Amino acid sequence: MTNNKSKIYTILRGGFLTEDNAQKNWVFIIFLAVLALVMIAISHSVDKKVQEIGALNKKNKELRSAFVANRSELMNLKMESSITKALAIKGLKAPTTPPYKIKVIVN
């Protein structure tokens, strides 16, 4: 029991970092620190991408609603009644006689 206590006490005091073969321990600690930094950097990158995706989704919804509004406005403008109203302002009216076919006979 005292052997385990002394080992724990040595670890808590940092004795494993000052021993003769402590180089392996330092390398492992530096490896863990670099790994933690890489993990933090990746986490920040993922958060940034999630925010960017959210902004793009919002812009996509806005553009889609603008597209639908423009398409419905175009459908209203293409209606015959809208065209005749616009031409009536310029002084043009729809013809009262129907169009007729011109037949060309080739010999």
PDB file of N, CA and C in Angstrom:
ATOM      1  N   MET A   1       0.822  -1.192   0.000  1.00  0.00           N
ATOM      2  CA  MET A   1       0.000   0.000   0.000  1.00  0.00           C
ATOM      3  C   MET A   1       0.863   1.252   0.000  1.00  0.00           C
ATOM      4  N   THR A   2       1.941   1.238   0.755  1.00  0.00           N
ATOM      5  CA  THR A   2       2.811   2.415   0.795  1.00  0.00           C
ATOM      6  C   THR A   2       3.524   2.601  -0.530  1.00  0.00           C
ATOM      7  N   ASN A   3       3.762   1.506  -1.252  1.00  0.00           N
ATOM      8  CA  ASN A   3       4.413   1.596  -2.549  1.00  0.00           C
ATOM      9  C   ASN A   3       3.497   2.322  -3.550  1.00  0.00           C
ATOM     10  N   ASN A   4       2.218   1.998  -3.507  1.00  0.00           N
ATOM     11  CA  ASN A   4       1.247   2.660  -4.384  1.00  0.00           C
ATOM     12  C   ASN A   4       1.109   4.134  -4.009  1.00  0.00           C
ATOM     13  N   LYS A   5       1.153   4.405  -2.702  1.00  0.00           N
ATOM     14  CA  LYS A   5       1.048   5.787  -2.241  1.00  0.00           C
ATOM     15  C   LYS A   5       2.236   6.602  -2.720  1.00  0.00           C
ATOM     16  N   SER A   6       3.393   6.027  -2.658  1.00  0.00           N
ATOM     17  CA  SER A   6       4.589   6.762  -3.070  1.00  0.00           C
ATOM     18  C   SER A   6       4.592   6.978  -4.581  1.00  0.00           C
ATOM     19  N   LYS A   7       4.075   6.015  -5.346  1.00  0.00           N
ATOM     20  CA  LYS A   7       3.986   6.195  -6.789  1.00  0.00           C
ATOM     21  C   LYS A   7       3.016   7.323  -7.133  1.00  0.00           C
ATOM     22  N   ILE A   8       1.874   7.353  -6.485  1.00  0.00           N
ATOM     23  CA  ILE A   8       0.890   8.417  -6.726  1.00  0.00           C
ATOM     24  C   ILE A   8       1.469   9.758  -6.315  1.00  0.00           C
ATOM     25  N   TYR A   9       2.169   9.786  -5.184  1.00  0.00           N
ATOM     26  CA  TYR A   9       2.764  11.032  -4.714  1.00  0.00           C
ATOM     27  C   TYR A   9       3.843  11.518  -5.691  1.00  0.00           C
ATOM     28  N   THR A  10       4.606  10.606  -6.243  1.00  0.00           N
ATOM     29  CA  THR A  10       5.642  10.959  -7.218  1.00  0.00           C
ATOM     30  C   THR A  10       5.004  11.518  -8.489  1.00  0.00           C
ATOM     31  N   ILE A  11       3.908  10.923  -8.926  1.00  0.00           N
ATOM     32  CA  ILE A  11       3.210  11.414 -10.124  1.00  0.00           C
ATOM     33  C   ILE A  11       2.642  12.807  -9.867  1.00  0.00           C
ATOM     34  N   LEU A  12       2.038  12.992  -8.698  1.00  0.00           N
ATOM     35  CA  LEU A  12       1.451  14.299  -8.379  1.00  0.00           C
ATOM     36  C   LEU A  12       2.510  15.392  -8.260  1.00  0.00           C
ATOM     37  N   ARG A  13       3.672  15.062  -7.762  1.00  0.00           N
ATOM     38  CA  ARG A  13       4.750  16.048  -7.640  1.00  0.00           C
ATOM     39  C   ARG A  13       5.428  16.309  -8.980  1.00  0.00           C
ATOM     40  N   GLY A  14       5.191  15.478  -9.973  1.00  0.00           N
ATOM     41  CA  GLY A  14       5.812  15.654 -11.278  1.00  0.00           C
ATOM     42  C   GLY A  14       7.154  14.984 -11.362  1.00  0.00           C
ATOM     43  N   GLY A  15       7.379  14.020 -10.541  1.00  0.00           N
ATOM     44  CA  GLY A  15       8.652  13.309 -10.559  1.00  0.00           C
ATOM     45  C   GLY A  15       8.893  12.564 -11.855  1.00  0.00           C
ATOM     46  N   PHE A  16       7.820  12.160 -12.531  1.00  0.00           N
ATOM     47  CA  PHE A  16       7.991  11.431 -13.794  1.00  0.00           C
ATOM     48  C   PHE A  16       8.536  12.337 -14.896  1.00  0.00           C
ATOM     49  N   LEU A  17       8.539  13.666 -14.659  1.00  0.00           N
ATOM     50  CA  LEU A  17       9.069  14.588 -15.653  1.00  0.00           C
ATOM     51  C   LEU A  17      10.536  14.947 -15.401  1.00  0.00           C
ATOM     52  N   THR A  18      11.019  14.613 -14.215  1.00  0.00           N
ATOM     53  CA  THR A  18      12.400  14.981 -13.885  1.00  0.00           C
ATOM     54  C   THR A  18      13.314  13.768 -13.759  1.00  0.00           C
ATOM     55  N   GLU A  19      12.814  12.588 -13.975  1.00  0.00           N
ATOM     56  CA  GLU A  19      13.644  11.384 -13.880  1.00  0.00           C
ATOM     57  C   GLU A  19      14.604  11.318 -15.058  1.00  0.00           C
ATOM     58  N   ASP A  20      15.466  10.336 -15.022  1.00  0.00           N
ATOM     59  CA  ASP A  20      16.471  10.176 -16.077  1.00  0.00           C
ATOM     60  C   ASP A  20      15.842   9.823 -17.426  1.00  0.00           C
ATOM     61  N   ASN A  21      14.816   9.000 -17.434  1.00  0.00           N
ATOM     62  CA  ASN A  21      14.171   8.597 -18.690  1.00  0.00           C
ATOM     63  C   ASN A  21      12.883   9.401 -18.930  1.00  0.00           C
ATOM     64  N   ALA A  22      12.891  10.657 -18.543  1.00  0.00           N
ATOM     65  CA  ALA A  22      11.701  11.512 -18.664  1.00  0.00           C
ATOM     66  C   ALA A  22      11.470  12.007 -20.088  1.00  0.00           C
ATOM     67  N   GLN A  23      12.437  11.818 -20.970  1.00  0.00           N
ATOM     68  CA  GLN A  23      12.294  12.305 -22.339  1.00  0.00           C
ATOM     69  C   GLN A  23      11.080  11.668 -23.030  1.00  0.00           C
ATOM     70  N   LYS A  24      10.841  10.389 -22.791  1.00  0.00           N
ATOM     71  CA  LYS A  24       9.675   9.719 -23.376  1.00  0.00           C
ATOM     72  C   LYS A  24       8.384  10.365 -22.875  1.00  0.00           C
ATOM     73  N   ASN A  25       8.370  10.699 -21.585  1.00  0.00           N
ATOM     74  CA  ASN A  25       7.173  11.323 -21.029  1.00  0.00           C
ATOM     75  C   ASN A  25       6.938  12.711 -21.628  1.00  0.00           C
ATOM     76  N   TRP A  26       7.998  13.479 -21.797  1.00  0.00           N
ATOM     77  CA  TRP A  26       7.868  14.818 -22.378  1.00  0.00           C
ATOM     78  C   TRP A  26       7.371  14.742 -23.819  1.00  0.00           C
ATOM     79  N   VAL A  27       7.879  13.784 -24.567  1.00  0.00           N
ATOM     80  CA  VAL A  27       7.449  13.615 -25.959  1.00  0.00           C
ATOM     81  C   VAL A  27       5.964  13.282 -26.001  1.00  0.00           C
ATOM     82  N   PHE A  28       5.526  12.414 -25.104  1.00  0.00           N
ATOM     83  CA  PHE A  28       4.110  12.040 -25.059  1.00  0.00           C
ATOM     84  C   PHE A  28       3.244  13.232 -24.672  1.00  0.00           C
ATOM     85  N   ILE A  29       3.686  14.029 -23.712  1.00  0.00           N
ATOM     86  CA  ILE A  29       2.920  15.206 -23.286  1.00  0.00           C
ATOM     87  C   ILE A  29       2.840  16.227 -24.419  1.00  0.00           C
ATOM     88  N   ILE A  30       3.935  16.439 -25.117  1.00  0.00           N
ATOM     89  CA  ILE A  30       3.926  17.374 -26.252  1.00  0.00           C
ATOM     90  C   ILE A  30       3.009  16.847 -27.360  1.00  0.00           C
ATOM     91  N   PHE A  31       3.033  15.543 -27.591  1.00  0.00           N
ATOM     92  CA  PHE A  31       2.143  14.937 -28.579  1.00  0.00           C
ATOM     93  C   PHE A  31       0.686  15.177 -28.203  1.00  0.00           C
ATOM     94  N   LEU A  32       0.346  14.984 -26.928  1.00  0.00           N
ATOM     95  CA  LEU A  32      -1.031  15.220 -26.470  1.00  0.00           C
ATOM     96  C   LEU A  32      -1.426  16.682 -26.616  1.00  0.00           C
ATOM     97  N   ALA A  33      -0.493  17.609 -26.333  1.00  0.00           N
ATOM     98  CA  ALA A  33      -0.788  19.037 -26.466  1.00  0.00           C
ATOM     99  C   ALA A  33      -1.046  19.404 -27.920  1.00  0.00           C
ATOM    100  N   VAL A  34      -0.210  18.881 -28.825  1.00  0.00           N
ATOM    101  CA  VAL A  34      -0.409  19.157 -30.257  1.00  0.00           C
ATOM    102  C   VAL A  34      -1.730  18.561 -30.724  1.00  0.00           C
ATOM    103  N   LEU A  35      -2.039  17.378 -30.259  1.00  0.00           N
ATOM    104  CA  LEU A  35      -3.304  16.737 -30.617  1.00  0.00           C
ATOM    105  C   LEU A  35      -4.492  17.562 -30.130  1.00  0.00           C
ATOM    106  N   ALA A  36      -4.389  18.103 -28.927  1.00  0.00           N
ATOM    107  CA  ALA A  36      -5.461  18.952 -28.391  1.00  0.00           C
ATOM    108  C   ALA A  36      -5.615  20.223 -29.224  1.00  0.00           C
ATOM    109  N   LEU A  37      -4.498  20.830 -29.638  1.00  0.00           N
ATOM    110  CA  LEU A  37      -4.563  22.033 -30.463  1.00  0.00           C
ATOM    111  C   LEU A  37      -5.193  21.743 -31.818  1.00  0.00           C
ATOM    112  N   VAL A  38      -4.845  20.614 -32.409  1.00  0.00           N
ATOM    113  CA  VAL A  38      -5.440  20.234 -33.690  1.00  0.00           C
ATOM    114  C   VAL A  38      -6.939  20.021 -33.524  1.00  0.00           C
ATOM    115  N   MET A  39      -7.338  19.375 -32.451  1.00  0.00           N
ATOM    116  CA  MET A  39      -8.756  19.134 -32.198  1.00  0.00           C
ATOM    117  C   MET A  39      -9.516  20.454 -32.024  1.00  0.00           C
ATOM    118  N   ILE A  40      -8.925  21.410 -31.316  1.00  0.00           N
ATOM    119  CA  ILE A  40      -9.560  22.710 -31.124  1.00  0.00           C
ATOM    120  C   ILE A  40      -9.687  23.435 -32.461  1.00  0.00           C
ATOM    121  N   ALA A  41      -8.646  23.393 -33.284  1.00  0.00           N
ATOM    122  CA  ALA A  41      -8.682  24.055 -34.592  1.00  0.00           C
ATOM    123  C   ALA A  41      -9.758  23.440 -35.487  1.00  0.00           C
ATOM    124  N   ILE A  42      -9.862  22.130 -35.482  1.00  0.00           N
ATOM    125  CA  ILE A  42     -10.878  21.462 -36.299  1.00  0.00           C
ATOM    126  C   ILE A  42     -12.267  21.809 -35.794  1.00  0.00           C
ATOM    127  N   SER A  43     -12.430  21.888 -34.490  1.00  0.00           N
ATOM    128  CA  SER A  43     -13.726  22.249 -33.922  1.00  0.00           C
ATOM    129  C   SER A  43     -14.140  23.654 -34.355  1.00  0.00           C
ATOM    130  N   HIS A  44     -13.197  24.601 -34.328  1.00  0.00           N
ATOM    131  CA  HIS A  44     -13.502  25.963 -34.767  1.00  0.00           C
ATOM    132  C   HIS A  44     -13.855  25.977 -36.256  1.00  0.00           C
ATOM    133  N   SER A  45     -13.142  25.203 -37.046  1.00  0.00           N
ATOM    134  CA  SER A  45     -13.415  25.135 -38.477  1.00  0.00           C
ATOM    135  C   SER A  45     -14.815  24.587 -38.740  1.00  0.00           C
ATOM    136  N   VAL A  46     -15.201  23.563 -38.015  1.00  0.00           N
ATOM    137  CA  VAL A  46     -16.534  22.971 -38.185  1.00  0.00           C
ATOM    138  C   VAL A  46     -17.605  23.983 -37.781  1.00  0.00           C
ATOM    139  N   ASP A  47     -17.403  24.694 -36.683  1.00  0.00           N
ATOM    140  CA  ASP A  47     -18.372  25.702 -36.263  1.00  0.00           C
ATOM    141  C   ASP A  47     -18.537  26.782 -37.319  1.00  0.00           C
ATOM    142  N   LYS A  48     -17.437  27.210 -37.905  1.00  0.00           N
ATOM    143  CA  LYS A  48     -17.487  28.239 -38.947  1.00  0.00           C
ATOM    144  C   LYS A  48     -18.263  27.735 -40.161  1.00  0.00           C
ATOM    145  N   LYS A  49     -18.029  26.481 -40.529  1.00  0.00           N
ATOM    146  CA  LYS A  49     -18.724  25.920 -41.688  1.00  0.00           C
ATOM    147  C   LYS A  49     -20.218  25.769 -41.406  1.00  0.00           C
ATOM    148  N   VAL A  50     -20.590  25.401 -40.186  1.00  0.00           N
ATOM    149  CA  VAL A  50     -22.006  25.275 -39.829  1.00  0.00           C
ATOM    150  C   VAL A  50     -22.695  26.629 -39.932  1.00  0.00           C
ATOM    151  N   GLN A  51     -22.037  27.685 -39.467  1.00  0.00           N
ATOM    152  CA  GLN A  51     -22.610  29.021 -39.564  1.00  0.00           C
ATOM    153  C   GLN A  51     -22.734  29.445 -41.026  1.00  0.00           C
ATOM    154  N   GLU A  52     -21.746  29.115 -41.834  1.00  0.00           N
ATOM    155  CA  GLU A  52     -21.785  29.459 -43.254  1.00  0.00           C
ATOM    156  C   GLU A  52     -22.922  28.721 -43.958  1.00  0.00           C
ATOM    157  N   ILE A  53     -23.124  27.458 -43.611  1.00  0.00           N
ATOM    158  CA  ILE A  53     -24.215  26.681 -44.199  1.00  0.00           C
ATOM    159  C   ILE A  53     -25.561  27.283 -43.812  1.00  0.00           C
ATOM    160  N   GLY A  54     -25.694  27.708 -42.571  1.00  0.00           N
ATOM    161  CA  GLY A  54     -26.940  28.349 -42.127  1.00  0.00           C
ATOM    162  C   GLY A  54     -27.216  29.629 -42.898  1.00  0.00           C
ATOM    163  N   ALA A  55     -26.180  30.447 -43.102  1.00  0.00           N
ATOM    164  CA  ALA A  55     -26.354  31.696 -43.858  1.00  0.00           C
ATOM    165  C   ALA A  55     -26.727  31.396 -45.310  1.00  0.00           C
ATOM    166  N   LEU A  56     -26.098  30.379 -45.907  1.00  0.00           N
ATOM    167  CA  LEU A  56     -26.414  30.027 -47.298  1.00  0.00           C
ATOM    168  C   LEU A  56     -27.838  29.475 -47.420  1.00  0.00           C
ATOM    169  N   ASN A  57     -28.284  28.706 -46.443  1.00  0.00           N
ATOM    170  CA  ASN A  57     -29.663  28.204 -46.466  1.00  0.00           C
ATOM    171  C   ASN A  57     -30.660  29.353 -46.381  1.00  0.00           C
ATOM    172  N   LYS A  58     -30.357  30.338 -45.542  1.00  0.00           N
ATOM    173  CA  LYS A  58     -31.237  31.502 -45.408  1.00  0.00           C
ATOM    174  C   LYS A  58     -31.298  32.268 -46.730  1.00  0.00           C
ATOM    175  N   LYS A  59     -30.136  32.484 -47.352  1.00  0.00           N
ATOM    176  CA  LYS A  59     -30.095  33.189 -48.637  1.00  0.00           C
ATOM    177  C   LYS A  59     -30.820  32.389 -49.711  1.00  0.00           C
ATOM    178  N   ASN A  60     -30.692  31.068 -49.681  1.00  0.00           N
ATOM    179  CA  ASN A  60     -31.377  30.203 -50.637  1.00  0.00           C
ATOM    180  C   ASN A  60     -32.894  30.364 -50.509  1.00  0.00           C
ATOM    181  N   LYS A  61     -33.412  30.405 -49.284  1.00  0.00           N
ATOM    182  CA  LYS A  61     -34.850  30.582 -49.076  1.00  0.00           C
ATOM    183  C   LYS A  61     -35.312  31.938 -49.593  1.00  0.00           C
ATOM    184  N   GLU A  62     -34.503  32.983 -49.353  1.00  0.00           N
ATOM    185  CA  GLU A  62     -34.860  34.319 -49.837  1.00  0.00           C
ATOM    186  C   GLU A  62     -34.898  34.342 -51.363  1.00  0.00           C
ATOM    187  N   LEU A  63     -33.891  33.757 -52.005  1.00  0.00           N
ATOM    188  CA  LEU A  63     -33.854  33.737 -53.468  1.00  0.00           C
ATOM    189  C   LEU A  63     -34.993  32.911 -54.047  1.00  0.00           C
ATOM    190  N   ARG A  64     -35.333  31.821 -53.384  1.00  0.00           N
ATOM    191  CA  ARG A  64     -36.439  30.982 -53.860  1.00  0.00           C
ATOM    192  C   ARG A  64     -37.758  31.743 -53.790  1.00  0.00           C
ATOM    193  N   SER A  65     -37.978  32.479 -52.699  1.00  0.00           N
ATOM    194  CA  SER A  65     -39.227  33.240 -52.584  1.00  0.00           C
ATOM    195  C   SER A  65     -39.253  34.379 -53.608  1.00  0.00           C
ATOM    196  N   ALA A  66     -38.107  35.014 -53.867  1.00  0.00           N
ATOM    197  CA  ALA A  66     -38.054  36.059 -54.896  1.00  0.00           C
ATOM    198  C   ALA A  66     -38.342  35.458 -56.272  1.00  0.00           C
ATOM    199  N   PHE A  67     -37.834  34.261 -56.535  1.00  0.00           N
ATOM    200  CA  PHE A  67     -38.087  33.586 -57.810  1.00  0.00           C
ATOM    201  C   PHE A  67     -39.572  33.305 -57.997  1.00  0.00           C
ATOM    202  N   VAL A  68     -40.216  32.802 -56.942  1.00  0.00           N
ATOM    203  CA  VAL A  68     -41.644  32.488 -57.033  1.00  0.00           C
ATOM    204  C   VAL A  68     -42.453  33.764 -57.257  1.00  0.00           C
ATOM    205  N   ALA A  69     -42.091  34.843 -56.566  1.00  0.00           N
ATOM    206  CA  ALA A  69     -42.810  36.110 -56.732  1.00  0.00           C
ATOM    207  C   ALA A  69     -42.631  36.638 -58.155  1.00  0.00           C
ATOM    208  N   ASN A  70     -41.407  36.582 -58.670  1.00  0.00           N
ATOM    209  CA  ASN A  70     -41.160  37.061 -60.036  1.00  0.00           C
ATOM    210  C   ASN A  70     -41.868  36.201 -61.073  1.00  0.00           C
ATOM    211  N   ARG A  71     -41.903  34.906 -60.842  1.00  0.00           N
ATOM    212  CA  ARG A  71     -42.570  34.012 -61.792  1.00  0.00           C
ATOM    213  C   ARG A  71     -44.071  34.287 -61.829  1.00  0.00           C
ATOM    214  N   SER A  72     -44.684  34.518 -60.675  1.00  0.00           N
ATOM    215  CA  SER A  72     -46.119  34.808 -60.668  1.00  0.00           C
ATOM    216  C   SER A  72     -46.395  36.170 -61.304  1.00  0.00           C
ATOM    217  N   GLU A  73     -45.512  37.134 -61.090  1.00  0.00           N
ATOM    218  CA  GLU A  73     -45.680  38.437 -61.738  1.00  0.00           C
ATOM    219  C   GLU A  73     -45.560  38.304 -63.259  1.00  0.00           C
ATOM    220  N   LEU A  74     -44.624  37.495 -63.727  1.00  0.00           N
ATOM    221  CA  LEU A  74     -44.461  37.263 -65.156  1.00  0.00           C
ATOM    222  C   LEU A  74     -45.700  36.601 -65.743  1.00  0.00           C
ATOM    223  N   MET A  75     -46.274  35.644 -65.035  1.00  0.00           N
ATOM    224  CA  MET A  75     -47.485  34.980 -65.521  1.00  0.00           C
ATOM    225  C   MET A  75     -48.619  35.993 -65.665  1.00  0.00           C
ATOM    226  N   ASN A  76     -48.730  36.929 -64.713  1.00  0.00           N
ATOM    227  CA  ASN A  76     -49.761  37.958 -64.810  1.00  0.00           C
ATOM    228  C   ASN A  76     -49.494  38.896 -65.988  1.00  0.00           C
ATOM    229  N   LEU A  77     -48.223  39.228 -66.230  1.00  0.00           N
ATOM    230  CA  LEU A  77     -47.888  40.118 -67.336  1.00  0.00           C
ATOM    231  C   LEU A  77     -48.115  39.455 -68.693  1.00  0.00           C
ATOM    232  N   LYS A  78     -47.994  38.145 -68.777  1.00  0.00           N
ATOM    233  CA  LYS A  78     -48.154  37.433 -70.040  1.00  0.00           C
ATOM    234  C   LYS A  78     -49.622  37.185 -70.399  1.00  0.00           C
ATOM    235  N   MET A  79     -50.518  37.433 -69.475  1.00  0.00           N
ATOM    236  CA  MET A  79     -51.943  37.213 -69.752  1.00  0.00           C
ATOM    237  C   MET A  79     -52.416  38.203 -70.817  1.00  0.00           C
ATOM    238  N   GLU A  80     -53.353  37.746 -71.646  1.00  0.00           N
ATOM    239  CA  GLU A  80     -53.838  38.573 -72.752  1.00  0.00           C
ATOM    240  C   GLU A  80     -54.487  39.856 -72.248  1.00  0.00           C
ATOM    241  N   SER A  81     -55.201  39.780 -71.153  1.00  0.00           N
ATOM    242  CA  SER A  81     -55.868  40.972 -70.632  1.00  0.00           C
ATOM    243  C   SER A  81     -54.851  42.029 -70.209  1.00  0.00           C
ATOM    244  N   SER A  82     -53.737  41.611 -69.619  1.00  0.00           N
ATOM    245  CA  SER A  82     -52.701  42.567 -69.224  1.00  0.00           C
ATOM    246  C   SER A  82     -52.058  43.208 -70.438  1.00  0.00           C
ATOM    247  N   ILE A  83     -51.839  42.412 -71.460  1.00  0.00           N
ATOM    248  CA  ILE A  83     -51.211  42.932 -72.678  1.00  0.00           C
ATOM    249  C   ILE A  83     -52.135  43.934 -73.364  1.00  0.00           C
ATOM    250  N   THR A  84     -53.429  43.606 -73.439  1.00  0.00           N
ATOM    251  CA  THR A  84     -54.363  44.539 -74.094  1.00  0.00           C
ATOM    252  C   THR A  84     -54.487  45.836 -73.314  1.00  0.00           C
ATOM    253  N   LYS A  85     -54.446  45.781 -72.001  1.00  0.00           N
ATOM    254  CA  LYS A  85     -54.483  47.010 -71.190  1.00  0.00           C
ATOM    255  C   LYS A  85     -53.244  47.858 -71.441  1.00  0.00           C
ATOM    256  N   ALA A  86     -52.080  47.217 -71.517  1.00  0.00           N
ATOM    257  CA  ALA A  86     -50.837  47.954 -71.752  1.00  0.00           C
ATOM    258  C   ALA A  86     -50.819  48.572 -73.143  1.00  0.00           C
ATOM    259  N   LEU A  87     -51.359  47.869 -74.122  1.00  0.00           N
ATOM    260  CA  LEU A  87     -51.391  48.402 -75.485  1.00  0.00           C
ATOM    261  C   LEU A  87     -52.464  49.474 -75.644  1.00  0.00           C
ATOM    262  N   ALA A  88     -53.534  49.391 -74.880  1.00  0.00           N
ATOM    263  CA  ALA A  88     -54.592  50.402 -74.943  1.00  0.00           C
ATOM    264  C   ALA A  88     -54.058  51.753 -74.481  1.00  0.00           C
ATOM    265  N   ILE A  89     -53.149  51.763 -73.545  1.00  0.00           N
ATOM    266  CA  ILE A  89     -52.543  53.008 -73.071  1.00  0.00           C
ATOM    267  C   ILE A  89     -51.756  53.658 -74.199  1.00  0.00           C
ATOM    268  N   LYS A  90     -51.142  52.843 -75.051  1.00  0.00           N
ATOM    269  CA  LYS A  90     -50.362  53.372 -76.177  1.00  0.00           C
ATOM    270  C   LYS A  90     -51.233  53.667 -77.398  1.00  0.00           C
ATOM    271  N   GLY A  91     -52.525  53.389 -77.313  1.00  0.00           N
ATOM    272  CA  GLY A  91     -53.431  53.696 -78.415  1.00  0.00           C
ATOM    273  C   GLY A  91     -53.646  52.537 -79.366  1.00  0.00           C
ATOM    274  N   LEU A  92     -53.193  51.370 -79.074  1.00  0.00           N
ATOM    275  CA  LEU A  92     -53.401  50.197 -79.923  1.00  0.00           C
ATOM    276  C   LEU A  92     -54.536  49.354 -79.372  1.00  0.00           C
ATOM    277  N   LYS A  93     -55.345  48.750 -80.298  1.00  0.00           N
ATOM    278  CA  LYS A  93     -56.406  47.869 -79.846  1.00  0.00           C
ATOM    279  C   LYS A  93     -56.298  46.530 -80.565  1.00  0.00           C
ATOM    280  N   ALA A  94     -56.991  45.577 -80.027  1.00  0.00           N
ATOM    281  CA  ALA A  94     -56.998  44.238 -80.623  1.00  0.00           C
ATOM    282  C   ALA A  94     -57.811  44.291 -81.915  1.00  0.00           C
ATOM    283  N   PRO A  95     -57.420  43.551 -82.942  1.00  0.00           N
ATOM    284  CA  PRO A  95     -58.188  43.555 -84.188  1.00  0.00           C
ATOM    285  C   PRO A  95     -59.553  42.909 -83.997  1.00  0.00           C
ATOM    286  N   THR A  96     -60.538  43.441 -84.726  1.00  0.00           N
ATOM    287  CA  THR A  96     -61.890  42.877 -84.615  1.00  0.00           C
ATOM    288  C   THR A  96     -62.094  41.730 -85.588  1.00  0.00           C
ATOM    289  N   THR A  97     -61.376  41.721 -86.691  1.00  0.00           N
ATOM    290  CA  THR A  97     -61.492  40.626 -87.658  1.00  0.00           C
ATOM    291  C   THR A  97     -60.414  39.591 -87.376  1.00  0.00           C
ATOM    292  N   PRO A  98     -60.742  38.335 -87.494  1.00  0.00           N
ATOM    293  CA  PRO A  98     -59.751  37.292 -87.236  1.00  0.00           C
ATOM    294  C   PRO A  98     -58.703  37.265 -88.343  1.00  0.00           C
ATOM    295  N   PRO A  99     -57.538  36.773 -88.067  1.00  0.00           N
ATOM    296  CA  PRO A  99     -56.498  36.677 -89.096  1.00  0.00           C
ATOM    297  C   PRO A  99     -56.861  35.616 -90.123  1.00  0.00           C
ATOM    298  N   TYR A 100     -56.308  35.732 -91.297  1.00  0.00           N
ATOM    299  CA  TYR A 100     -56.568  34.744 -92.336  1.00  0.00           C
ATOM    300  C   TYR A 100     -55.240  34.196 -92.837  1.00  0.00           C
ATOM    301  N   LYS A 101     -55.335  32.981 -93.436  1.00  0.00           N
ATOM    302  CA  LYS A 101     -54.144  32.274 -93.903  1.00  0.00           C
ATOM    303  C   LYS A 101     -53.812  32.713 -95.324  1.00  0.00           C
ATOM    304  N   ILE A 102     -52.539  32.837 -95.559  1.00  0.00           N
ATOM    305  CA  ILE A 102     -52.065  33.114 -96.914  1.00  0.00           C
ATOM    306  C   ILE A 102     -51.461  31.790 -97.423  1.00  0.00           C
ATOM    307  N   LYS A 103     -52.015  31.307 -98.508  1.00  0.00           N
ATOM    308  CA  LYS A 103     -51.520  30.057 -99.071  1.00  0.00           C
ATOM    309  C   LYS A 103     -50.657  30.370-100.275  1.00  0.00           C
ATOM    310  N   VAL A 104     -49.488  29.789-100.301  1.00  0.00           N
ATOM    311  CA  VAL A 104     -48.562  29.953-101.404  1.00  0.00           C
ATOM    312  C   VAL A 104     -48.511  28.653-102.167  1.00  0.00           C
ATOM    313  N   ILE A 105     -48.835  28.725-103.472  1.00  0.00           N
ATOM    314  CA  ILE A 105     -48.850  27.516-104.305  1.00  0.00           C
ATOM    315  C   ILE A 105     -47.550  27.533-105.116  1.00  0.00           C
ATOM    316  N   VAL A 106     -46.795  26.472-104.972  1.00  0.00           N
ATOM    317  CA  VAL A 106     -45.538  26.350-105.686  1.00  0.00           C
ATOM    318  C   VAL A 106     -45.729  25.327-106.792  1.00  0.00           C
ATOM    319  N   ASN A 107     -45.381  25.725-108.003  1.00  0.00           N
ATOM    320  CA  ASN A 107     -45.532  24.810-109.155  1.00  0.00           C
ATOM    321  C   ASN A 107     -44.277  24.075-109.449  1.00  0.00           C
TER     322      ASN A 107
END
